[in-house]
Amino acid sequence: MPTRLGAQHWHDRAAEARTVAGPMRDEESKSGMLKIAAHYEKIAKHAERIERAEAAAAKRQNST
């Protein structure tokens, strides 16, 4: 079973994509890379919601 990647992983990938996009001169390529970074950030936000929900569930379970 594959390990699920956490929010930090996706934030890191987004930062990496922005770094790669920085020096690009071709505007279409740069725009595409920045779109990839934006999508990675959306994935990171979703992963954060999952992580918060799991932490809350664990907390509830531990308090019973």
N, C-alpha and C. Protein backbone atom coordinates (compact mmCIF):
# COMPACT_ATOMS: atom_id res chain seq x y z
N MET A 1 0.85 -1.18 0.00
CA MET A 1 0.00 0.00 0.00
C MET A 1 0.89 1.25 0.00
N PRO A 2 0.68 2.17 -0.93
CA PRO A 2 1.52 3.38 -0.97
C PRO A 2 1.25 4.28 0.24
N THR A 3 2.28 4.95 0.67
CA THR A 3 2.16 5.89 1.78
C THR A 3 1.57 7.20 1.26
N ARG A 4 0.59 7.73 1.97
CA ARG A 4 0.00 9.00 1.58
C ARG A 4 0.98 10.13 1.88
N LEU A 5 1.11 11.04 0.97
CA LEU A 5 2.03 12.17 1.14
C LEU A 5 1.31 13.29 1.89
N GLY A 6 2.00 13.90 2.83
CA GLY A 6 1.41 14.94 3.65
C GLY A 6 1.46 16.32 3.00
N ALA A 7 0.84 17.25 3.68
CA ALA A 7 0.74 18.62 3.18
C ALA A 7 2.11 19.24 2.92
N GLN A 8 3.05 19.00 3.82
CA GLN A 8 4.37 19.61 3.65
C GLN A 8 5.02 19.16 2.35
N HIS A 9 4.84 17.92 1.98
CA HIS A 9 5.39 17.43 0.72
C HIS A 9 4.88 18.27 -0.44
N TRP A 10 3.59 18.54 -0.47
CA TRP A 10 2.99 19.29 -1.58
C TRP A 10 3.37 20.76 -1.54
N HIS A 11 3.51 21.33 -0.34
CA HIS A 11 4.01 22.72 -0.24
C HIS A 11 5.43 22.79 -0.79
N ASP A 12 6.23 21.78 -0.46
CA ASP A 12 7.61 21.74 -0.96
C ASP A 12 7.65 21.62 -2.48
N ARG A 13 6.79 20.79 -3.04
CA ARG A 13 6.75 20.63 -4.51
C ARG A 13 6.32 21.95 -5.16
N ALA A 14 5.37 22.65 -4.55
CA ALA A 14 4.94 23.94 -5.09
C ALA A 14 6.09 24.95 -5.07
N ALA A 15 6.82 24.99 -3.97
CA ALA A 15 7.97 25.90 -3.88
C ALA A 15 9.01 25.54 -4.93
N GLU A 16 9.24 24.27 -5.12
CA GLU A 16 10.20 23.82 -6.12
C GLU A 16 9.76 24.25 -7.53
N ALA A 17 8.48 24.10 -7.82
CA ALA A 17 7.97 24.49 -9.13
C ALA A 17 8.12 26.00 -9.35
N ARG A 18 7.86 26.79 -8.29
CA ARG A 18 8.04 28.25 -8.41
C ARG A 18 9.50 28.60 -8.63
N THR A 19 10.40 27.88 -7.97
CA THR A 19 11.82 28.11 -8.14
C THR A 19 12.25 27.82 -9.57
N VAL A 20 11.75 26.72 -10.11
CA VAL A 20 12.07 26.36 -11.50
C VAL A 20 11.51 27.42 -12.45
N ALA A 21 10.31 27.92 -12.17
CA ALA A 21 9.67 28.90 -13.05
C ALA A 21 10.39 30.24 -13.05
N GLY A 22 11.00 30.58 -11.91
CA GLY A 22 11.62 31.90 -11.76
C GLY A 22 12.48 32.36 -12.92
N PRO A 23 13.49 31.61 -13.30
CA PRO A 23 14.39 32.08 -14.36
C PRO A 23 13.89 31.81 -15.78
N MET A 24 12.76 31.17 -15.93
CA MET A 24 12.27 30.84 -17.28
C MET A 24 12.00 32.11 -18.08
N ARG A 25 12.43 32.11 -19.32
CA ARG A 25 12.19 33.27 -20.19
C ARG A 25 10.95 33.08 -21.06
N ASP A 26 10.66 31.83 -21.40
CA ASP A 26 9.49 31.55 -22.22
C ASP A 26 8.25 31.69 -21.35
N GLU A 27 7.42 32.67 -21.67
CA GLU A 27 6.26 32.99 -20.84
C GLU A 27 5.25 31.84 -20.76
N GLU A 28 5.08 31.10 -21.83
CA GLU A 28 4.13 29.99 -21.82
C GLU A 28 4.63 28.89 -20.87
N SER A 29 5.90 28.59 -20.93
CA SER A 29 6.48 27.58 -20.04
C SER A 29 6.43 28.04 -18.59
N LYS A 30 6.77 29.29 -18.38
CA LYS A 30 6.75 29.85 -17.02
C LYS A 30 5.34 29.81 -16.46
N SER A 31 4.37 30.21 -17.26
CA SER A 31 2.98 30.19 -16.84
C SER A 31 2.53 28.77 -16.50
N GLY A 32 2.92 27.83 -17.32
CA GLY A 32 2.57 26.43 -17.07
C GLY A 32 3.16 25.93 -15.76
N MET A 33 4.40 26.27 -15.50
CA MET A 33 5.05 25.84 -14.27
C MET A 33 4.38 26.49 -13.05
N LEU A 34 3.99 27.75 -13.18
CA LEU A 34 3.31 28.42 -12.07
C LEU A 34 1.92 27.83 -11.84
N LYS A 35 1.27 27.37 -12.90
CA LYS A 35 -0.02 26.69 -12.74
C LYS A 35 0.17 25.37 -12.00
N ILE A 36 1.24 24.67 -12.32
CA ILE A 36 1.55 23.43 -11.61
C ILE A 36 1.74 23.73 -10.12
N ALA A 37 2.48 24.80 -9.82
CA ALA A 37 2.70 25.19 -8.42
C ALA A 37 1.37 25.48 -7.73
N ALA A 38 0.48 26.17 -8.42
CA ALA A 38 -0.83 26.49 -7.83
C ALA A 38 -1.63 25.21 -7.56
N HIS A 39 -1.55 24.25 -8.46
CA HIS A 39 -2.24 22.98 -8.25
C HIS A 39 -1.64 22.22 -7.07
N TYR A 40 -0.33 22.24 -6.94
CA TYR A 40 0.31 21.61 -5.79
C TYR A 40 -0.16 22.26 -4.48
N GLU A 41 -0.33 23.57 -4.48
CA GLU A 41 -0.82 24.26 -3.28
C GLU A 41 -2.26 23.82 -2.96
N LYS A 42 -3.08 23.62 -3.98
CA LYS A 42 -4.44 23.13 -3.73
C LYS A 42 -4.41 21.74 -3.11
N ILE A 43 -3.53 20.90 -3.61
CA ILE A 43 -3.39 19.56 -3.05
C ILE A 43 -2.92 19.66 -1.60
N ALA A 44 -1.99 20.57 -1.33
CA ALA A 44 -1.48 20.76 0.03
C ALA A 44 -2.60 21.19 0.97
N LYS A 45 -3.44 22.11 0.52
CA LYS A 45 -4.56 22.57 1.36
C LYS A 45 -5.51 21.41 1.66
N HIS A 46 -5.76 20.58 0.67
CA HIS A 46 -6.62 19.41 0.87
C HIS A 46 -5.97 18.46 1.88
N ALA A 47 -4.67 18.23 1.74
CA ALA A 47 -3.95 17.36 2.67
C ALA A 47 -3.99 17.93 4.09
N GLU A 48 -3.93 19.26 4.23
CA GLU A 48 -4.02 19.90 5.54
C GLU A 48 -5.38 19.63 6.18
N ARG A 49 -6.45 19.72 5.37
CA ARG A 49 -7.79 19.43 5.90
C ARG A 49 -7.88 17.99 6.38
N ILE A 50 -7.32 17.07 5.62
CA ILE A 50 -7.33 15.66 6.02
C ILE A 50 -6.54 15.47 7.31
N GLU A 51 -5.38 16.09 7.39
CA GLU A 51 -4.54 15.96 8.58
C GLU A 51 -5.24 16.53 9.81
N ARG A 52 -5.92 17.66 9.67
CA ARG A 52 -6.66 18.24 10.80
C ARG A 52 -7.79 17.32 11.23
N ALA A 53 -8.51 16.77 10.25
CA ALA A 53 -9.62 15.87 10.58
C ALA A 53 -9.12 14.61 11.28
N GLU A 54 -8.01 14.07 10.80
CA GLU A 54 -7.44 12.87 11.43
C GLU A 54 -6.96 13.17 12.85
N ALA A 55 -6.35 14.33 13.04
CA ALA A 55 -5.87 14.71 14.38
C ALA A 55 -7.05 14.88 15.33
N ALA A 56 -8.13 15.50 14.85
CA ALA A 56 -9.31 15.69 15.69
C ALA A 56 -9.94 14.34 16.03
N ALA A 57 -10.00 13.44 15.07
CA ALA A 57 -10.58 12.12 15.32
C ALA A 57 -9.73 11.35 16.33
N ALA A 58 -8.41 11.44 16.20
CA ALA A 58 -7.53 10.76 17.14
C ALA A 58 -7.69 11.34 18.54
N LYS A 59 -7.82 12.65 18.62
CA LYS A 59 -8.01 13.31 19.91
C LYS A 59 -9.31 12.86 20.56
N ARG A 60 -10.38 12.80 19.75
CA ARG A 60 -11.67 12.33 20.28
C ARG A 60 -11.56 10.89 20.77
N GLN A 61 -10.89 10.07 19.98
CA GLN A 61 -10.76 8.66 20.33
C GLN A 61 -9.93 8.48 21.60
N ASN A 62 -8.90 9.29 21.77
CA ASN A 62 -8.05 9.19 22.95
C ASN A 62 -8.73 9.72 24.21
N SER A 63 -9.73 10.56 24.03
CA SER A 63 -10.41 11.14 25.20
C SER A 63 -11.56 10.28 25.69
N THR A 64 -11.82 9.20 25.00
CA THR A 64 -12.92 8.32 25.43
C THR A 64 -12.45 7.21 26.31
